[in-house]
Amino acid sequence: MNNNKINSAINIFSFIPMSIVTFGVLSLGLFVAPTVFREITPRPMASNLMADIFTKFFLVAFICALITLFSEMIRFILLKKDILNKIWYAQIGSVILVTFLIGYSNFQIAPKINQMRIEQKGPTLWTNTDFVSLHKQSEAFAKAAFLFGLIPLVIMVSFQYKKEQS
């Protein structure tokens, strides 16, 4: 199997999971959350639903980010001399950062938010400065994961397009 075929196969295993992470975060933030909070009247109920959705999605997103990371490590091992360039380092750096952001958000921030939600029910939860701070941190991590998730996607698409043109 030549290097172009290996590279194309790895692109599929990197691109699909990273797309799920990147566009899943975007979809949840832009479409799902506003709709849930608009349509479900008791805010605590909407908040619990979103916590459940985000927790499950971020677990899937973390697994997808790990798949992308492992795919890129395989690319490095198999095609070391062909891909050792600054662009690949930007790509793998972005993948590592997205994996960290998603993992930290899911395994460190989300449990704290859920614990606060259990201990302090009702509208007073949103006046708790610790809760609001953690919520803002979680939002910032999700936005950063989206933005940094675009970098490897753009690199993969542009390199695939460049190879098809040559």
N, C-alpha and C. Protein backbone atom coordinates (compact mmCIF):
# COMPACT_ATOMS: atom_id res chain seq x y z
N MET A 1 0.86 -1.18 0.00
CA MET A 1 0.00 0.00 0.00
C MET A 1 0.90 1.24 0.00
N ASN A 2 0.65 2.15 -0.95
CA ASN A 2 1.51 3.32 -1.02
C ASN A 2 1.09 4.39 0.00
N ASN A 3 1.97 5.35 0.15
CA ASN A 3 1.75 6.37 1.18
C ASN A 3 0.50 7.21 0.95
N ASN A 4 0.15 7.48 -0.31
CA ASN A 4 -1.05 8.27 -0.59
C ASN A 4 -2.31 7.55 -0.12
N LYS A 5 -2.37 6.24 -0.33
CA LYS A 5 -3.54 5.47 0.10
C LYS A 5 -3.61 5.41 1.63
N ILE A 6 -2.46 5.23 2.26
CA ILE A 6 -2.43 5.21 3.73
C ILE A 6 -2.88 6.56 4.27
N ASN A 7 -2.35 7.62 3.69
CA ASN A 7 -2.70 8.97 4.12
C ASN A 7 -4.19 9.24 3.94
N SER A 8 -4.76 8.81 2.81
CA SER A 8 -6.19 9.01 2.56
C SER A 8 -7.04 8.22 3.55
N ALA A 9 -6.63 6.99 3.84
CA ALA A 9 -7.38 6.18 4.81
C ALA A 9 -7.34 6.81 6.20
N ILE A 10 -6.17 7.29 6.59
CA ILE A 10 -6.05 7.93 7.91
C ILE A 10 -6.86 9.23 7.94
N ASN A 11 -6.90 9.94 6.81
CA ASN A 11 -7.71 11.16 6.76
C ASN A 11 -9.17 10.88 7.10
N ILE A 12 -9.69 9.76 6.62
CA ILE A 12 -11.08 9.40 6.93
C ILE A 12 -11.24 9.16 8.42
N PHE A 13 -10.30 8.41 9.02
CA PHE A 13 -10.39 8.11 10.45
C PHE A 13 -10.12 9.34 11.32
N SER A 14 -9.51 10.35 10.76
CA SER A 14 -9.29 11.60 11.50
C SER A 14 -10.42 12.59 11.26
N PHE A 15 -10.85 12.69 10.00
CA PHE A 15 -11.80 13.72 9.61
C PHE A 15 -13.19 13.50 10.21
N ILE A 16 -13.70 12.29 10.11
CA ILE A 16 -15.07 12.03 10.58
C ILE A 16 -15.22 12.29 12.08
N PRO A 17 -14.36 11.71 12.93
CA PRO A 17 -14.54 11.99 14.37
C PRO A 17 -14.32 13.46 14.73
N MET A 18 -13.35 14.11 14.09
CA MET A 18 -13.12 15.52 14.40
C MET A 18 -14.29 16.38 13.92
N SER A 19 -14.93 15.98 12.83
CA SER A 19 -16.13 16.68 12.37
C SER A 19 -17.26 16.55 13.38
N ILE A 20 -17.40 15.35 13.94
CA ILE A 20 -18.43 15.13 14.96
C ILE A 20 -18.19 16.05 16.15
N VAL A 21 -16.95 16.12 16.59
CA VAL A 21 -16.61 16.99 17.73
C VAL A 21 -16.91 18.45 17.39
N THR A 22 -16.34 18.91 16.31
CA THR A 22 -16.40 20.33 15.96
C THR A 22 -17.82 20.80 15.69
N PHE A 23 -18.51 20.09 14.81
CA PHE A 23 -19.84 20.55 14.43
C PHE A 23 -20.90 20.13 15.44
N GLY A 24 -20.62 19.13 16.24
CA GLY A 24 -21.51 18.77 17.34
C GLY A 24 -21.53 19.86 18.40
N VAL A 25 -20.35 20.36 18.75
CA VAL A 25 -20.26 21.46 19.72
C VAL A 25 -20.99 22.68 19.18
N LEU A 26 -20.78 22.98 17.91
CA LEU A 26 -21.44 24.12 17.29
C LEU A 26 -22.96 23.95 17.31
N SER A 27 -23.43 22.78 16.93
CA SER A 27 -24.87 22.52 16.89
C SER A 27 -25.52 22.61 18.26
N LEU A 28 -24.87 22.02 19.25
CA LEU A 28 -25.43 22.08 20.61
C LEU A 28 -25.50 23.52 21.11
N GLY A 29 -24.45 24.27 20.85
CA GLY A 29 -24.40 25.64 21.35
C GLY A 29 -25.31 26.60 20.61
N LEU A 30 -25.40 26.44 19.29
CA LEU A 30 -26.19 27.40 18.50
C LEU A 30 -27.66 27.02 18.34
N PHE A 31 -27.95 25.72 18.32
CA PHE A 31 -29.31 25.31 17.99
C PHE A 31 -30.03 24.61 19.14
N VAL A 32 -29.39 23.61 19.72
CA VAL A 32 -30.07 22.79 20.73
C VAL A 32 -30.33 23.58 22.01
N ALA A 33 -29.29 24.16 22.59
CA ALA A 33 -29.45 24.87 23.87
C ALA A 33 -30.47 26.00 23.78
N PRO A 34 -30.38 26.90 22.79
CA PRO A 34 -31.39 27.96 22.74
C PRO A 34 -32.82 27.43 22.57
N THR A 35 -32.99 26.39 21.77
CA THR A 35 -34.32 25.82 21.57
C THR A 35 -34.86 25.21 22.85
N VAL A 36 -34.02 24.45 23.55
CA VAL A 36 -34.46 23.82 24.79
C VAL A 36 -34.86 24.88 25.81
N PHE A 37 -34.04 25.91 25.97
CA PHE A 37 -34.35 26.94 26.96
C PHE A 37 -35.55 27.80 26.56
N ARG A 38 -35.83 27.89 25.26
CA ARG A 38 -36.98 28.65 24.80
C ARG A 38 -38.28 27.84 24.94
N GLU A 39 -38.20 26.53 24.66
CA GLU A 39 -39.41 25.70 24.61
C GLU A 39 -39.79 25.07 25.94
N ILE A 40 -38.83 24.82 26.80
CA ILE A 40 -39.13 24.20 28.09
C ILE A 40 -39.18 25.31 29.13
N THR A 41 -40.39 25.54 29.66
CA THR A 41 -40.59 26.70 30.52
C THR A 41 -39.90 26.65 31.86
N PRO A 42 -40.05 25.65 32.67
CA PRO A 42 -39.32 25.74 33.93
C PRO A 42 -37.82 25.65 33.66
N ARG A 43 -37.11 26.71 33.95
CA ARG A 43 -35.67 26.76 33.65
C ARG A 43 -34.89 25.60 34.28
N PRO A 44 -35.19 25.21 35.53
CA PRO A 44 -34.46 24.07 36.10
C PRO A 44 -34.64 22.78 35.29
N MET A 45 -35.84 22.58 34.73
CA MET A 45 -36.06 21.38 33.92
C MET A 45 -35.24 21.45 32.63
N ALA A 46 -35.23 22.60 31.99
CA ALA A 46 -34.43 22.79 30.78
C ALA A 46 -32.95 22.63 31.09
N SER A 47 -32.54 23.15 32.22
CA SER A 47 -31.15 23.06 32.64
C SER A 47 -30.73 21.61 32.87
N ASN A 48 -31.61 20.84 33.50
CA ASN A 48 -31.31 19.42 33.73
C ASN A 48 -31.23 18.65 32.41
N LEU A 49 -32.14 18.96 31.48
CA LEU A 49 -32.12 18.30 30.18
C LEU A 49 -30.82 18.61 29.44
N MET A 50 -30.43 19.89 29.43
CA MET A 50 -29.19 20.26 28.74
C MET A 50 -27.97 19.64 29.41
N ALA A 51 -27.98 19.55 30.72
CA ALA A 51 -26.86 18.91 31.43
C ALA A 51 -26.74 17.46 31.00
N ASP A 52 -27.87 16.78 30.88
CA ASP A 52 -27.86 15.38 30.46
C ASP A 52 -27.36 15.24 29.02
N ILE A 53 -27.85 16.11 28.14
CA ILE A 53 -27.43 16.06 26.73
C ILE A 53 -25.94 16.37 26.60
N PHE A 54 -25.49 17.46 27.23
CA PHE A 54 -24.09 17.85 27.12
C PHE A 54 -23.15 16.80 27.70
N THR A 55 -23.51 16.22 28.83
CA THR A 55 -22.66 15.21 29.45
C THR A 55 -22.48 14.02 28.51
N LYS A 56 -23.56 13.56 27.92
CA LYS A 56 -23.47 12.42 26.99
C LYS A 56 -22.72 12.79 25.72
N PHE A 57 -23.02 13.98 25.18
CA PHE A 57 -22.33 14.39 23.96
C PHE A 57 -20.84 14.54 24.19
N PHE A 58 -20.46 15.18 25.29
CA PHE A 58 -19.04 15.41 25.52
C PHE A 58 -18.27 14.12 25.77
N LEU A 59 -18.93 13.09 26.26
CA LEU A 59 -18.28 11.79 26.36
C LEU A 59 -18.02 11.24 24.95
N VAL A 60 -19.03 11.32 24.08
CA VAL A 60 -18.86 10.88 22.69
C VAL A 60 -17.80 11.75 22.01
N ALA A 61 -17.83 13.05 22.23
CA ALA A 61 -16.85 13.96 21.63
C ALA A 61 -15.43 13.63 22.09
N PHE A 62 -15.29 13.29 23.37
CA PHE A 62 -13.97 12.93 23.89
C PHE A 62 -13.45 11.66 23.21
N ILE A 63 -14.32 10.68 23.04
CA ILE A 63 -13.93 9.44 22.36
C ILE A 63 -13.55 9.74 20.91
N CYS A 64 -14.33 10.58 20.24
CA CYS A 64 -14.01 10.96 18.86
C CYS A 64 -12.68 11.71 18.78
N ALA A 65 -12.43 12.59 19.72
CA ALA A 65 -11.16 13.32 19.74
C ALA A 65 -9.99 12.36 19.95
N LEU A 66 -10.19 11.36 20.81
CA LEU A 66 -9.14 10.35 21.02
C LEU A 66 -8.91 9.53 19.75
N ILE A 67 -9.97 9.18 19.04
CA ILE A 67 -9.83 8.44 17.78
C ILE A 67 -9.02 9.27 16.79
N THR A 68 -9.33 10.55 16.70
CA THR A 68 -8.57 11.43 15.80
C THR A 68 -7.11 11.51 16.23
N LEU A 69 -6.87 11.64 17.51
CA LEU A 69 -5.51 11.71 18.03
C LEU A 69 -4.74 10.43 17.72
N PHE A 70 -5.36 9.28 17.95
CA PHE A 70 -4.69 8.01 17.65
C PHE A 70 -4.46 7.85 16.14
N SER A 71 -5.40 8.30 15.33
CA SER A 71 -5.22 8.24 13.88
C SER A 71 -4.03 9.08 13.44
N GLU A 72 -3.90 10.25 14.04
CA GLU A 72 -2.76 11.11 13.70
C GLU A 72 -1.44 10.52 14.20
N MET A 73 -1.47 9.84 15.32
CA MET A 73 -0.25 9.17 15.80
C MET A 73 0.13 8.03 14.85
N ILE A 74 -0.85 7.31 14.36
CA ILE A 74 -0.59 6.25 13.38
C ILE A 74 -0.01 6.86 12.11
N ARG A 75 -0.58 7.99 11.67
CA ARG A 75 -0.04 8.67 10.49
C ARG A 75 1.43 9.03 10.73
N PHE A 76 1.75 9.53 11.91
CA PHE A 76 3.12 9.90 12.24
C PHE A 76 4.04 8.69 12.19
N ILE A 77 3.60 7.57 12.75
CA ILE A 77 4.43 6.36 12.78
C ILE A 77 4.65 5.81 11.38
N LEU A 78 3.58 5.74 10.58
CA LEU A 78 3.68 5.13 9.25
C LEU A 78 4.30 6.05 8.21
N LEU A 79 4.06 7.33 8.32
CA LEU A 79 4.47 8.27 7.26
C LEU A 79 5.40 9.36 7.77
N LYS A 80 6.19 9.02 8.76
CA LYS A 80 7.02 10.02 9.46
C LYS A 80 7.75 10.96 8.50
N LYS A 81 8.48 10.41 7.57
CA LYS A 81 9.31 11.27 6.72
C LYS A 81 8.47 12.09 5.73
N ASP A 82 7.25 11.64 5.45
CA ASP A 82 6.41 12.35 4.49
C ASP A 82 5.59 13.48 5.11
N ILE A 83 5.39 13.45 6.41
CA ILE A 83 4.49 14.43 7.01
C ILE A 83 5.16 15.34 8.03
N LEU A 84 6.44 15.13 8.25
CA LEU A 84 7.13 15.92 9.27
C LEU A 84 7.28 17.36 8.78
N ASN A 85 6.25 18.15 8.99
CA ASN A 85 6.31 19.56 8.62
C ASN A 85 5.50 20.38 9.60
N LYS A 86 5.62 21.68 9.48
CA LYS A 86 4.97 22.59 10.43
C LYS A 86 3.45 22.47 10.39
N ILE A 87 2.91 22.22 9.23
CA ILE A 87 1.45 22.13 9.12
C ILE A 87 0.93 20.93 9.89
N TRP A 88 1.62 19.79 9.80
CA TRP A 88 1.17 18.61 10.56
C TRP A 88 1.26 18.89 12.06
N TYR A 89 2.31 19.60 12.48
CA TYR A 89 2.43 19.93 13.91
C TYR A 89 1.28 20.83 14.36
N ALA A 90 0.86 21.77 13.50
CA ALA A 90 -0.30 22.61 13.83
C ALA A 90 -1.55 21.75 13.94
N GLN A 91 -1.67 20.80 13.04
CA GLN A 91 -2.83 19.91 13.04
C GLN A 91 -2.86 19.06 14.31
N ILE A 92 -1.77 18.40 14.62
CA ILE A 92 -1.75 17.52 15.80
C ILE A 92 -1.85 18.34 17.08
N GLY A 93 -1.25 19.53 17.09
CA GLY A 93 -1.38 20.40 18.26
C GLY A 93 -2.83 20.79 18.51
N SER A 94 -3.54 21.09 17.44
CA SER A 94 -4.97 21.42 17.58
C SER A 94 -5.77 20.23 18.07
N VAL A 95 -5.47 19.06 17.55
CA VAL A 95 -6.18 17.85 17.98
C VAL A 95 -5.93 17.58 19.46
N ILE A 96 -4.69 17.73 19.89
CA ILE A 96 -4.35 17.52 21.31
C ILE A 96 -5.09 18.54 22.17
N LEU A 97 -5.10 19.80 21.74
CA LEU A 97 -5.79 20.85 22.50
C LEU A 97 -7.30 20.58 22.58
N VAL A 98 -7.91 20.19 21.48
CA VAL A 98 -9.34 19.88 21.48
C VAL A 98 -9.63 18.71 22.41
N THR A 99 -8.78 17.67 22.35
CA THR A 99 -8.96 16.51 23.23
C THR A 99 -8.88 16.93 24.69
N PHE A 100 -7.91 17.78 25.02
CA PHE A 100 -7.78 18.27 26.39
C PHE A 100 -9.01 19.09 26.80
N LEU A 101 -9.42 20.02 25.95
CA LEU A 101 -10.56 20.89 26.28
C LEU A 101 -11.84 20.09 26.51
N ILE A 102 -12.10 19.14 25.63
CA ILE A 102 -13.30 18.31 25.76
C ILE A 102 -13.18 17.43 27.00
N GLY A 103 -12.03 16.82 27.19
CA GLY A 103 -11.83 15.94 28.35
C GLY A 103 -11.94 16.68 29.66
N TYR A 104 -11.29 17.83 29.75
CA TYR A 104 -11.33 18.61 30.99
C TYR A 104 -12.76 19.08 31.28
N SER A 105 -13.42 19.54 30.24
CA SER A 105 -14.79 20.01 30.41
C SER A 105 -15.70 18.88 30.88
N ASN A 106 -15.52 17.71 30.31
CA ASN A 106 -16.40 16.58 30.65
C ASN A 106 -16.06 15.93 31.98
N PHE A 107 -14.79 15.81 32.30
CA PHE A 107 -14.40 15.04 33.48
C PHE A 107 -14.06 15.90 34.71
N GLN A 108 -13.89 17.21 34.52
CA GLN A 108 -13.59 18.08 35.66
C GLN A 108 -14.70 19.10 35.93
N ILE A 109 -15.12 19.81 34.89
CA ILE A 109 -16.10 20.87 35.09
C ILE A 109 -17.52 20.32 35.23
N ALA A 110 -17.92 19.43 34.32
CA ALA A 110 -19.30 18.91 34.33
C ALA A 110 -19.68 18.24 35.66
N PRO A 111 -18.82 17.41 36.26
CA PRO A 111 -19.21 16.82 37.55
C PRO A 111 -19.44 17.87 38.64
N LYS A 112 -18.64 18.93 38.64
CA LYS A 112 -18.83 20.00 39.63
C LYS A 112 -20.16 20.72 39.40
N ILE A 113 -20.46 21.00 38.14
CA ILE A 113 -21.73 21.66 37.81
C ILE A 113 -22.90 20.76 38.21
N ASN A 114 -22.81 19.48 37.89
CA ASN A 114 -23.89 18.55 38.23
C ASN A 114 -24.07 18.43 39.74
N GLN A 115 -22.97 18.43 40.48
CA GLN A 115 -23.05 18.36 41.94
C GLN A 115 -23.75 19.60 42.50
N MET A 116 -23.39 20.76 41.97
CA MET A 116 -24.06 21.99 42.40
C MET A 116 -25.54 21.96 42.06
N ARG A 117 -25.86 21.41 40.90
CA ARG A 117 -27.25 21.32 40.46
C ARG A 117 -28.05 20.44 41.41
N ILE A 118 -27.44 19.35 41.89
CA ILE A 118 -28.11 18.44 42.82
C ILE A 118 -28.30 19.10 44.19
N GLU A 119 -27.25 19.77 44.67
CA GLU A 119 -27.28 20.38 46.00
C GLU A 119 -28.18 21.61 46.08
N GLN A 120 -28.22 22.36 45.02
CA GLN A 120 -28.93 23.65 45.06
C GLN A 120 -29.90 23.70 43.88
N LYS A 121 -31.13 23.34 44.11
CA LYS A 121 -32.13 23.31 43.04
C LYS A 121 -32.86 24.64 42.97
N GLY A 122 -33.46 24.87 41.82
CA GLY A 122 -34.30 26.05 41.66
C GLY A 122 -33.55 27.22 41.06
N PRO A 123 -34.23 28.36 41.03
CA PRO A 123 -33.65 29.54 40.37
C PRO A 123 -32.44 30.11 41.09
N THR A 124 -32.25 29.77 42.36
CA THR A 124 -31.10 30.31 43.09
C THR A 124 -29.78 29.75 42.57
N LEU A 125 -29.85 28.65 41.83
CA LEU A 125 -28.64 28.07 41.27
C LEU A 125 -27.92 29.08 40.37
N TRP A 126 -28.69 29.83 39.58
CA TRP A 126 -28.09 30.77 38.64
C TRP A 126 -27.57 32.04 39.31
N THR A 127 -27.85 32.19 40.61
CA THR A 127 -27.26 33.32 41.34
C THR A 127 -26.00 32.90 42.07
N ASN A 128 -25.72 31.61 42.09
CA ASN A 128 -24.51 31.08 42.71
C ASN A 128 -23.32 31.44 41.83
N THR A 129 -22.40 32.25 42.34
CA THR A 129 -21.27 32.72 41.53
C THR A 129 -20.35 31.59 41.10
N ASP A 130 -20.20 30.56 41.92
CA ASP A 130 -19.36 29.42 41.54
C ASP A 130 -19.97 28.68 40.35
N PHE A 131 -21.28 28.49 40.39
CA PHE A 131 -21.97 27.81 39.29
C PHE A 131 -21.84 28.61 38.00
N VAL A 132 -22.11 29.90 38.08
CA VAL A 132 -22.03 30.76 36.90
C VAL A 132 -20.61 30.77 36.34
N SER A 133 -19.63 30.82 37.21
CA SER A 133 -18.23 30.80 36.78
C SER A 133 -17.88 29.50 36.06
N LEU A 134 -18.29 28.37 36.64
CA LEU A 134 -18.03 27.08 35.99
C LEU A 134 -18.78 26.97 34.67
N HIS A 135 -19.99 27.47 34.63
CA HIS A 135 -20.79 27.43 33.40
C HIS A 135 -20.10 28.25 32.30
N LYS A 136 -19.61 29.44 32.65
CA LYS A 136 -18.89 30.27 31.68
C LYS A 136 -17.60 29.60 31.21
N GLN A 137 -16.92 28.94 32.14
CA GLN A 137 -15.69 28.23 31.79
C GLN A 137 -16.02 27.09 30.82
N SER A 138 -17.08 26.37 31.08
CA SER A 138 -17.51 25.28 30.20
C SER A 138 -17.86 25.81 28.81
N GLU A 139 -18.57 26.94 28.76
CA GLU A 139 -18.90 27.56 27.48
C GLU A 139 -17.64 27.98 26.72
N ALA A 140 -16.69 28.56 27.43
CA ALA A 140 -15.44 29.00 26.80
C ALA A 140 -14.67 27.80 26.25
N PHE A 141 -14.64 26.71 26.99
CA PHE A 141 -13.95 25.51 26.52
C PHE A 141 -14.63 24.95 25.27
N ALA A 142 -15.96 24.97 25.25
CA ALA A 142 -16.69 24.47 24.08
C ALA A 142 -16.41 25.34 22.85
N LYS A 143 -16.39 26.66 23.04
CA LYS A 143 -16.09 27.56 21.92
C LYS A 143 -14.66 27.35 21.42
N ALA A 144 -13.73 27.19 22.33
CA ALA A 144 -12.33 26.95 21.94
C ALA A 144 -12.21 25.61 21.23
N ALA A 145 -12.92 24.59 21.70
CA ALA A 145 -12.88 23.28 21.04
C ALA A 145 -13.41 23.39 19.62
N PHE A 146 -14.45 24.17 19.43
CA PHE A 146 -14.97 24.37 18.07
C PHE A 146 -13.93 25.06 17.20
N LEU A 147 -13.39 26.17 17.67
CA LEU A 147 -12.43 26.93 16.86
C LEU A 147 -11.17 26.12 16.55
N PHE A 148 -10.61 25.47 17.57
CA PHE A 148 -9.40 24.68 17.34
C PHE A 148 -9.71 23.39 16.59
N GLY A 149 -10.95 22.94 16.62
CA GLY A 149 -11.35 21.76 15.84
C GLY A 149 -11.42 22.06 14.36
N LEU A 150 -11.63 23.32 14.01
CA LEU A 150 -11.65 23.70 12.59
C LEU A 150 -10.28 23.58 11.94
N ILE A 151 -9.23 23.83 12.71
CA ILE A 151 -7.87 23.83 12.14
C ILE A 151 -7.52 22.49 11.49
N PRO A 152 -7.62 21.35 12.21
CA PRO A 152 -7.28 20.09 11.55
C PRO A 152 -8.22 19.76 10.40
N LEU A 153 -9.49 20.15 10.50
CA LEU A 153 -10.42 19.87 9.41
C LEU A 153 -10.03 20.61 8.14
N VAL A 154 -9.69 21.88 8.29
CA VAL A 154 -9.27 22.68 7.13
C VAL A 154 -7.98 22.11 6.54
N ILE A 155 -7.04 21.73 7.38
CA ILE A 155 -5.78 21.17 6.90
C ILE A 155 -6.03 19.87 6.14
N MET A 156 -6.85 18.98 6.72
CA MET A 156 -7.12 17.70 6.07
C MET A 156 -7.80 17.89 4.72
N VAL A 157 -8.79 18.77 4.67
CA VAL A 157 -9.51 19.01 3.42
C VAL A 157 -8.60 19.64 2.38
N SER A 158 -7.81 20.61 2.78
CA SER A 158 -6.95 21.29 1.82
C SER A 158 -5.87 20.36 1.27
N PHE A 159 -5.30 19.51 2.12
CA PHE A 159 -4.30 18.57 1.63
C PHE A 159 -4.91 17.51 0.73
N GLN A 160 -6.10 17.06 1.05
CA GLN A 160 -6.77 16.07 0.21
C GLN A 160 -7.09 16.69 -1.15
N TYR A 161 -7.56 17.93 -1.14
CA TYR A 161 -7.87 18.63 -2.38
C TYR A 161 -6.61 18.83 -3.21
N LYS A 162 -5.52 19.21 -2.55
CA LYS A 162 -4.25 19.44 -3.24
C LYS A 162 -3.75 18.15 -3.90
N LYS A 163 -3.89 17.02 -3.19
CA LYS A 163 -3.44 15.74 -3.75
C LYS A 163 -4.30 15.32 -4.93
N GLU A 164 -5.60 15.59 -4.87
CA GLU A 164 -6.48 15.23 -5.97
C GLU A 164 -6.21 16.09 -7.20
N GLN A 165 -5.75 17.32 -7.00
CA GLN A 165 -5.45 18.22 -8.11
C GLN A 165 -4.13 17.88 -8.79
N SER A 166 -3.23 17.22 -8.06
CA SER A 166 -1.91 16.91 -8.66
C SER A 166 -1.88 15.54 -9.27
